[in-house]
Amino acid sequence: MTALYSVLHMFVDGVCAFAMFGTFLKQEQGYFYVLVYNFCAFALQMPFGAVLDLWYAKGRKQSSFAVACVGVVLTLVGAVTHPVILGIGNALFHIGGGVGIIHEDVKKGWRGRGLGVFVAPGALGLYLGMQLAQNGAEAQWLYGAGAFMAIACVGTACVLRRRGVSGKMAGYLEDGRGLTETTGVIPLAFCLFLAVVLRSYIGMAVTFSWKTTTFAAVLSTLAIVFGKTTGGFFMARFGAFKTAAICLPTAAVLYLFSGCMPAGAAALFLFNMTMPITLYLLICKLPQYPGFSFGLLTFGLFLGFLPEYYGLRALRGGVLGCAGSLVMLFILAAGVFLGNPDEAGTTVFSRWMRNRK
């Protein structure tokens, strides 16, 4: 299921990028549409996620898959109608698919590996969709994408049915109670939220002088994709804080030399390894609220987008990337200390999972 959701993620984000860059951005209100789309796509995931958590707690076990499918449909409709519908579709798919992936990650004991695998293809989809739009691809491309997305949705439904659960994902939400060990949840959530805001801003604001060719653009995109994926695997093996303590200082140093293509790409790779870490740590603390947790952090992505949208930038280039990496390490360290999860990554969540076996 993770593979199918991940492929769907790439296509959903690709359709959104194709519609925004190919249609809406070219209109008279294009600049405003960018703000509207990002608000709907990222900020609305928090209330959508909270509602999804409530539905699940009331026994509606198929809700996450149903929400993801509605998101796919609205994304395709929004691509030919309005950025608001496009953004809402994107938000619904992400929150539905994200919660479904969280359930499978827990069920299979992946300890966060599935989170990076699911989120990473979005960056590839954005790049491909943008390239198709900028190179004048015909709108008929949407029909092919829609057909493939429909097939992927049907395939996901078949996988769920074959497992005999029809969308009912076994895991820590099964009884609707979750955990009671919530000491430190507010400071941890606050620190993780700040870390996501900062990561979003750095990702938007830091540019590279060498990113002028197709090869360079593909290289930087793949660095982001594989960085997010690898971060989940490293976190599962070495623990969340240990992974961050290695990748962020190294990224900070490399950002200072990011005028060189290999150093800049490596900095992107290491910096993006923190993506699954922030989500996993919050899920560990709030396992009964995966939708709200996912949405809270995506709201942070929206806030991080705003300074760049309005042209507010204190530092530039590698210096900003270096400073941002070090500040993020400090924020994550504070969150881990205040939230008091186990440094090895076995946290409240993993201890509870062992007790269930």
Protein backbone atom coordinates (compact mmCIF):
# COMPACT_ATOMS: atom_id res chain seq x y z
CA MET A 1 0.00 0.00 0.00
CA THR A 2 2.85 2.39 0.75
CA ALA A 3 4.15 2.01 -2.80
CA LEU A 4 0.74 2.76 -4.32
CA TYR A 5 0.15 5.78 -2.09
CA SER A 6 3.64 7.05 -2.90
CA VAL A 7 3.09 6.81 -6.65
CA LEU A 8 -0.25 8.55 -6.21
CA HIS A 9 1.52 11.28 -4.25
CA MET A 10 3.87 11.91 -7.16
CA PHE A 11 0.97 12.20 -9.60
CA VAL A 12 -1.17 14.39 -7.33
CA ASP A 13 1.65 16.87 -6.81
CA GLY A 14 2.54 16.66 -10.49
CA VAL A 15 -1.00 17.57 -11.52
CA CYS A 16 -1.01 20.46 -9.04
CA ALA A 17 2.28 21.84 -10.35
CA PHE A 18 1.14 21.40 -13.95
CA ALA A 19 -2.10 23.30 -13.28
CA MET A 20 -0.49 26.08 -11.25
CA PHE A 21 2.45 26.78 -13.58
CA GLY A 22 0.63 25.98 -16.79
CA THR A 23 -2.69 27.73 -16.16
CA PHE A 24 -3.37 29.62 -12.96
CA LEU A 25 -0.04 31.40 -12.53
CA LYS A 26 -0.39 32.90 -16.01
CA GLN A 27 -3.70 34.53 -15.20
CA GLU A 28 -4.11 38.11 -14.03
CA GLN A 29 -4.47 37.02 -10.39
CA GLY A 30 -1.75 34.40 -10.70
CA TYR A 31 0.40 35.73 -7.86
CA PHE A 32 -2.57 35.73 -5.50
CA TYR A 33 -3.59 32.26 -6.67
CA VAL A 34 -0.23 30.93 -5.47
CA LEU A 35 -1.03 32.13 -1.94
CA VAL A 36 -4.59 30.76 -2.09
CA TYR A 37 -3.44 27.38 -3.37
CA ASN A 38 -0.73 27.00 -0.75
CA PHE A 39 -3.14 27.94 2.03
CA CYS A 40 -5.69 25.36 0.91
CA ALA A 41 -3.11 22.66 0.20
CA PHE A 42 -1.12 22.98 3.43
CA ALA A 43 -2.96 24.96 6.10
CA LEU A 44 -6.26 23.11 5.67
CA GLN A 45 -4.66 19.75 6.37
CA MET A 46 -4.78 20.48 10.11
CA PRO A 47 -8.59 20.79 10.41
CA PHE A 48 -9.09 18.00 7.88
CA GLY A 49 -6.77 15.79 9.91
CA ALA A 50 -8.60 16.56 13.15
CA VAL A 51 -11.92 15.59 11.56
CA LEU A 52 -10.40 12.39 10.19
CA ASP A 53 -9.16 11.46 13.68
CA LEU A 54 -12.69 11.94 15.02
CA TRP A 55 -14.17 9.79 12.28
CA TYR A 56 -11.69 7.03 12.97
CA ALA A 57 -12.36 7.16 16.70
CA LYS A 58 -16.05 6.64 15.94
CA GLY A 59 -15.28 3.42 14.09
CA ARG A 60 -15.23 4.67 10.50
CA LYS A 61 -12.18 2.60 9.61
CA GLN A 62 -12.33 3.22 5.86
CA SER A 63 -12.18 6.99 6.29
CA SER A 64 -8.48 7.57 5.50
CA PHE A 65 -8.64 5.74 2.16
CA ALA A 66 -11.95 7.39 1.27
CA VAL A 67 -10.53 10.85 2.06
CA ALA A 68 -7.47 10.15 -0.10
CA CYS A 69 -9.68 9.09 -3.02
CA VAL A 70 -11.85 12.22 -2.69
CA GLY A 71 -8.61 14.21 -2.71
CA VAL A 72 -7.54 12.60 -5.98
CA VAL A 73 -10.87 13.44 -7.62
CA LEU A 74 -10.87 17.04 -6.41
CA THR A 75 -7.28 17.50 -7.55
CA LEU A 76 -8.23 16.53 -11.10
CA VAL A 77 -11.34 18.71 -11.00
CA GLY A 78 -9.41 21.63 -9.53
CA ALA A 79 -6.77 21.40 -12.25
CA VAL A 80 -9.35 22.59 -14.78
CA THR A 81 -11.48 24.81 -12.53
CA HIS A 82 -9.95 26.81 -9.66
CA PRO A 83 -6.88 26.80 -7.34
CA VAL A 84 -9.10 26.55 -4.25
CA ILE A 85 -10.50 23.20 -5.38
CA LEU A 86 -7.04 22.11 -6.49
CA GLY A 87 -5.57 22.94 -3.08
CA ILE A 88 -8.39 21.26 -1.16
CA GLY A 89 -7.93 18.13 -3.24
CA ASN A 90 -4.21 18.15 -2.53
CA ALA A 91 -4.85 18.59 1.20
CA LEU A 92 -7.41 15.78 1.37
CA PHE A 93 -5.15 13.36 -0.48
CA HIS A 94 -2.17 14.14 1.74
CA ILE A 95 -4.08 13.80 4.98
CA GLY A 96 -5.89 10.62 3.91
CA GLY A 97 -2.82 9.01 2.41
CA GLY A 98 -0.60 10.19 5.26
CA VAL A 99 -2.82 8.64 7.92
CA GLY A 100 -3.03 5.42 5.91
CA ILE A 101 0.76 5.27 5.68
CA ILE A 102 1.11 5.96 9.41
CA HIS A 103 -1.15 2.99 10.14
CA GLU A 104 0.83 0.69 7.88
CA ASP A 105 4.12 1.94 9.31
CA VAL A 106 2.91 1.05 12.80
CA LYS A 107 1.41 -2.26 11.77
CA LYS A 108 4.62 -3.44 10.11
CA GLY A 109 6.99 -2.01 12.71
CA TRP A 110 8.84 0.23 10.25
CA ARG A 111 9.50 2.92 12.88
CA GLY A 112 9.10 5.81 10.47
CA ARG A 113 10.57 4.35 7.28
CA GLY A 114 7.21 4.49 5.53
CA LEU A 115 6.79 8.19 6.27
CA GLY A 116 9.83 9.22 4.22
CA VAL A 117 8.93 6.84 1.40
CA PHE A 118 5.45 8.36 1.14
CA VAL A 119 6.43 12.03 1.29
CA ALA A 120 9.55 11.92 -0.92
CA PRO A 121 7.91 11.39 -4.36
CA GLY A 122 6.02 14.67 -3.97
CA ALA A 123 9.16 16.65 -4.80
CA LEU A 124 9.65 14.59 -7.97
CA GLY A 125 6.03 15.14 -8.96
CA LEU A 126 6.35 18.89 -8.46
CA TYR A 127 9.43 19.02 -10.67
CA LEU A 128 7.91 16.90 -13.45
CA GLY A 129 4.63 18.81 -13.41
CA MET A 130 6.43 22.14 -13.53
CA GLN A 131 8.60 20.99 -16.43
CA LEU A 132 5.59 19.76 -18.39
CA ALA A 133 3.84 23.10 -17.89
CA GLN A 134 6.86 25.22 -18.78
CA ASN A 135 7.54 23.17 -21.91
CA GLY A 136 4.02 23.63 -23.22
CA ALA A 137 2.61 20.14 -22.64
CA GLU A 138 -0.96 19.77 -23.78
CA ALA A 139 -3.78 19.71 -21.24
CA GLN A 140 -4.62 16.20 -22.48
CA TRP A 141 -1.75 15.06 -20.27
CA LEU A 142 -4.22 15.38 -17.42
CA TYR A 143 -6.38 12.61 -18.89
CA GLY A 144 -3.49 10.18 -18.80
CA ALA A 145 -2.57 11.20 -15.28
CA GLY A 146 -6.19 10.87 -14.19
CA ALA A 147 -6.46 7.38 -15.66
CA PHE A 148 -3.29 6.27 -13.91
CA MET A 149 -4.44 7.77 -10.60
CA ALA A 150 -7.77 5.96 -10.90
CA ILE A 151 -5.95 2.67 -11.50
CA ALA A 152 -3.73 3.32 -8.47
CA CYS A 153 -6.78 4.03 -6.29
CA VAL A 154 -8.42 0.79 -7.42
CA GLY A 155 -5.16 -1.06 -6.79
CA THR A 156 -4.94 0.34 -3.28
CA ALA A 157 -8.53 -0.71 -2.59
CA CYS A 158 -7.75 -4.22 -3.84
CA VAL A 159 -4.70 -4.46 -1.59
CA LEU A 160 -6.75 -3.41 1.43
CA ARG A 161 -9.52 -5.87 0.60
CA ARG A 162 -7.07 -8.73 0.02
CA ARG A 163 -5.70 -8.14 3.48
CA GLY A 164 -9.19 -8.64 4.79
CA VAL A 165 -9.47 -5.22 6.38
CA SER A 166 -11.15 -3.07 3.71
CA GLY A 167 -9.33 0.01 4.89
CA LYS A 168 -9.30 -1.03 8.55
CA MET A 169 -5.71 -0.53 9.57
CA ALA A 170 -4.63 -2.38 12.69
CA GLY A 171 -2.43 -0.36 14.98
CA TYR A 172 -2.41 2.04 17.85
CA LEU A 173 -5.70 3.68 16.87
CA GLU A 174 -7.65 0.45 16.85
CA ASP A 175 -9.34 0.99 20.21
CA GLY A 176 -9.50 4.78 19.89
CA ARG A 177 -7.75 5.29 23.23
CA GLY A 178 -4.15 5.88 22.21
CA LEU A 179 -1.53 6.41 24.90
CA THR A 180 -1.66 8.18 28.21
CA GLU A 181 2.03 9.13 28.47
CA THR A 182 1.69 12.66 27.12
CA THR A 183 4.11 14.48 29.41
CA GLY A 184 6.00 17.09 27.43
CA VAL A 185 3.75 16.88 24.39
CA ILE A 186 3.17 20.65 24.12
CA PRO A 187 6.84 21.73 24.19
CA LEU A 188 7.77 18.86 21.85
CA ALA A 189 4.99 19.75 19.39
CA PHE A 190 5.96 23.43 19.54
CA CYS A 191 9.62 22.69 18.80
CA LEU A 192 8.78 20.31 15.97
CA PHE A 193 6.39 22.88 14.51
CA LEU A 194 9.12 25.52 14.58
CA ALA A 195 11.56 23.09 12.95
CA VAL A 196 9.12 22.48 10.08
CA VAL A 197 8.52 26.22 9.61
CA LEU A 198 12.27 26.74 9.42
CA ARG A 199 12.81 23.83 7.03
CA SER A 200 10.09 25.14 4.75
CA TYR A 201 11.59 28.63 4.73
CA ILE A 202 15.13 27.37 4.09
CA GLY A 203 13.89 25.15 1.28
CA MET A 204 12.18 28.11 -0.37
CA ALA A 205 14.83 30.77 0.26
CA VAL A 206 18.13 29.01 -0.42
CA THR A 207 19.06 29.03 -4.09
CA PHE A 208 22.13 27.76 -5.92
CA SER A 209 24.06 29.61 -8.61
CA TRP A 210 24.79 26.35 -10.42
CA LYS A 211 21.12 25.38 -10.78
CA THR A 212 20.85 26.62 -14.36
CA THR A 213 20.72 23.40 -16.38
CA THR A 214 18.36 20.45 -16.59
CA PHE A 215 21.00 18.18 -15.08
CA ALA A 216 21.43 20.49 -12.08
CA ALA A 217 17.66 20.75 -11.55
CA VAL A 218 17.27 16.97 -11.70
CA LEU A 219 20.20 16.49 -9.36
CA SER A 220 18.80 18.86 -6.74
CA THR A 221 15.34 17.27 -7.02
CA LEU A 222 16.75 13.77 -6.55
CA ALA A 223 18.80 15.00 -3.58
CA ILE A 224 15.56 16.12 -1.92
CA VAL A 225 13.71 12.91 -2.82
CA PHE A 226 16.41 10.51 -1.63
CA GLY A 227 17.20 12.67 1.38
CA LYS A 228 13.64 12.36 2.69
CA THR A 229 13.57 8.64 1.98
CA THR A 230 16.97 7.96 3.52
CA GLY A 231 16.13 9.99 6.61
CA GLY A 232 13.40 7.52 7.55
CA PHE A 233 15.71 4.52 7.21
CA PHE A 234 18.53 6.13 9.16
CA MET A 235 16.12 7.19 11.89
CA ALA A 236 14.79 3.65 12.22
CA ARG A 237 18.33 2.31 12.48
CA PHE A 238 20.11 4.92 14.62
CA GLY A 239 17.32 6.90 16.27
CA ALA A 240 15.80 10.27 15.50
CA PHE A 241 18.11 12.54 17.46
CA LYS A 242 21.30 10.73 16.47
CA THR A 243 20.35 11.03 12.81
CA ALA A 244 19.63 14.75 13.15
CA ALA A 245 22.84 15.29 15.15
CA ILE A 246 24.86 13.84 12.27
CA CYS A 247 23.09 15.17 9.18
CA LEU A 248 22.36 18.77 10.24
CA PRO A 249 25.88 19.88 11.30
CA THR A 250 27.29 18.23 8.18
CA ALA A 251 24.67 19.99 6.05
CA ALA A 252 25.59 23.30 7.74
CA VAL A 253 29.23 22.93 6.69
CA LEU A 254 28.33 21.88 3.16
CA TYR A 255 25.97 24.83 2.75
CA LEU A 256 28.96 27.15 3.17
CA PHE A 257 30.46 25.55 0.05
CA SER A 258 27.16 25.15 -1.78
CA GLY A 259 28.43 27.23 -4.70
CA CYS A 260 30.04 23.95 -5.75
CA MET A 261 27.43 21.60 -7.19
CA PRO A 262 28.41 18.39 -5.32
CA ALA A 263 28.52 20.22 -1.97
CA GLY A 264 25.19 21.94 -2.59
CA ALA A 265 23.47 18.71 -3.62
CA ALA A 266 24.89 16.91 -0.58
CA ALA A 267 23.67 19.72 1.68
CA LEU A 268 20.17 19.39 0.23
CA PHE A 269 20.27 15.63 0.74
CA LEU A 270 21.33 15.85 4.38
CA PHE A 271 19.04 18.76 5.25
CA ASN A 272 15.97 16.95 3.92
CA MET A 273 16.74 13.84 5.96
CA THR A 274 15.03 15.64 8.85
CA MET A 275 11.58 15.51 7.20
CA PRO A 276 10.44 12.10 8.50
CA ILE A 277 12.12 12.79 11.85
CA THR A 278 9.82 15.66 12.78
CA LEU A 279 6.67 13.78 11.82
CA TYR A 280 7.71 10.55 13.50
CA LEU A 281 8.58 12.23 16.80
CA LEU A 282 5.19 13.92 16.95
CA ILE A 283 3.35 10.71 16.05
CA CYS A 284 5.25 8.96 18.83
CA LYS A 285 3.85 11.45 21.30
CA LEU A 286 0.33 11.74 19.85
CA PRO A 287 -0.38 8.31 18.32
CA GLN A 288 -4.14 8.74 18.78
CA TYR A 289 -4.11 11.88 16.60
CA PRO A 290 -2.16 11.04 13.41
CA GLY A 291 -4.30 13.27 11.20
CA PHE A 292 -3.98 16.30 13.44
CA SER A 293 -0.24 15.68 13.88
CA PHE A 294 0.32 15.43 10.14
CA GLY A 295 -1.79 18.54 9.54
CA LEU A 296 -0.13 20.57 12.28
CA LEU A 297 3.26 20.12 10.66
CA THR A 298 1.98 20.87 7.15
CA PHE A 299 0.54 24.10 8.54
CA GLY A 300 4.14 24.84 9.49
CA LEU A 301 5.08 24.34 5.83
CA PHE A 302 2.58 27.04 4.88
CA LEU A 303 3.96 29.51 7.43
CA GLY A 304 7.49 28.85 6.18
CA PHE A 305 6.36 29.68 2.66
CA LEU A 306 5.03 33.13 3.60
CA PRO A 307 8.33 35.04 4.16
CA GLU A 308 9.64 34.06 0.74
CA TYR A 309 6.29 34.82 -0.85
CA TYR A 310 6.44 38.37 0.53
CA GLY A 311 10.16 38.75 -0.26
CA LEU A 312 11.39 38.76 3.34
CA ARG A 313 14.90 37.32 3.57
CA ALA A 314 17.48 38.22 6.23
CA LEU A 315 20.32 36.10 4.84
CA ARG A 316 21.04 34.58 1.47
CA GLY A 317 22.44 31.45 -0.07
CA GLY A 318 24.80 29.17 1.79
CA VAL A 319 24.97 31.35 4.89
CA LEU A 320 21.21 31.06 5.35
CA GLY A 321 21.37 27.29 4.82
CA CYS A 322 24.21 26.94 7.33
CA ALA A 323 22.51 29.06 9.99
CA GLY A 324 19.16 27.36 9.41
CA SER A 325 20.66 23.89 9.80
CA LEU A 326 22.29 24.74 13.11
CA VAL A 327 19.18 26.47 14.46
CA MET A 328 17.07 23.47 13.46
CA LEU A 329 19.44 21.14 15.30
CA PHE A 330 19.06 23.26 18.42
CA ILE A 331 15.26 23.27 18.10
CA LEU A 332 15.08 19.50 17.61
CA ALA A 333 17.43 18.92 20.54
CA ALA A 334 15.24 21.12 22.74
CA GLY A 335 12.13 19.28 21.61
CA VAL A 336 13.63 15.85 22.26
CA PHE A 337 14.87 16.94 25.69
CA LEU A 338 11.56 18.53 26.71
CA GLY A 339 9.46 15.76 25.20
CA ASN A 340 11.75 13.15 26.80
CA PRO A 341 11.59 10.38 24.19
CA ASP A 342 14.31 7.75 24.26
CA GLU A 343 17.38 8.96 22.32
CA ALA A 344 17.63 5.64 20.47
CA GLY A 345 14.26 6.30 18.89
CA THR A 346 12.39 3.63 20.84
CA THR A 347 10.21 6.25 22.61
CA VAL A 348 6.86 5.79 24.26
CA PHE A 349 5.45 4.54 20.95
CA SER A 350 7.90 1.63 20.54
CA ARG A 351 7.64 0.52 24.17
CA TRP A 352 3.88 0.41 23.82
CA MET A 353 4.14 -1.62 20.62
CA ARG A 354 6.37 -4.18 22.34
CA ASN A 355 3.88 -4.51 25.19
CA ARG A 356 1.10 -5.32 22.72
CA LYS A 357 2.99 -8.26 21.24
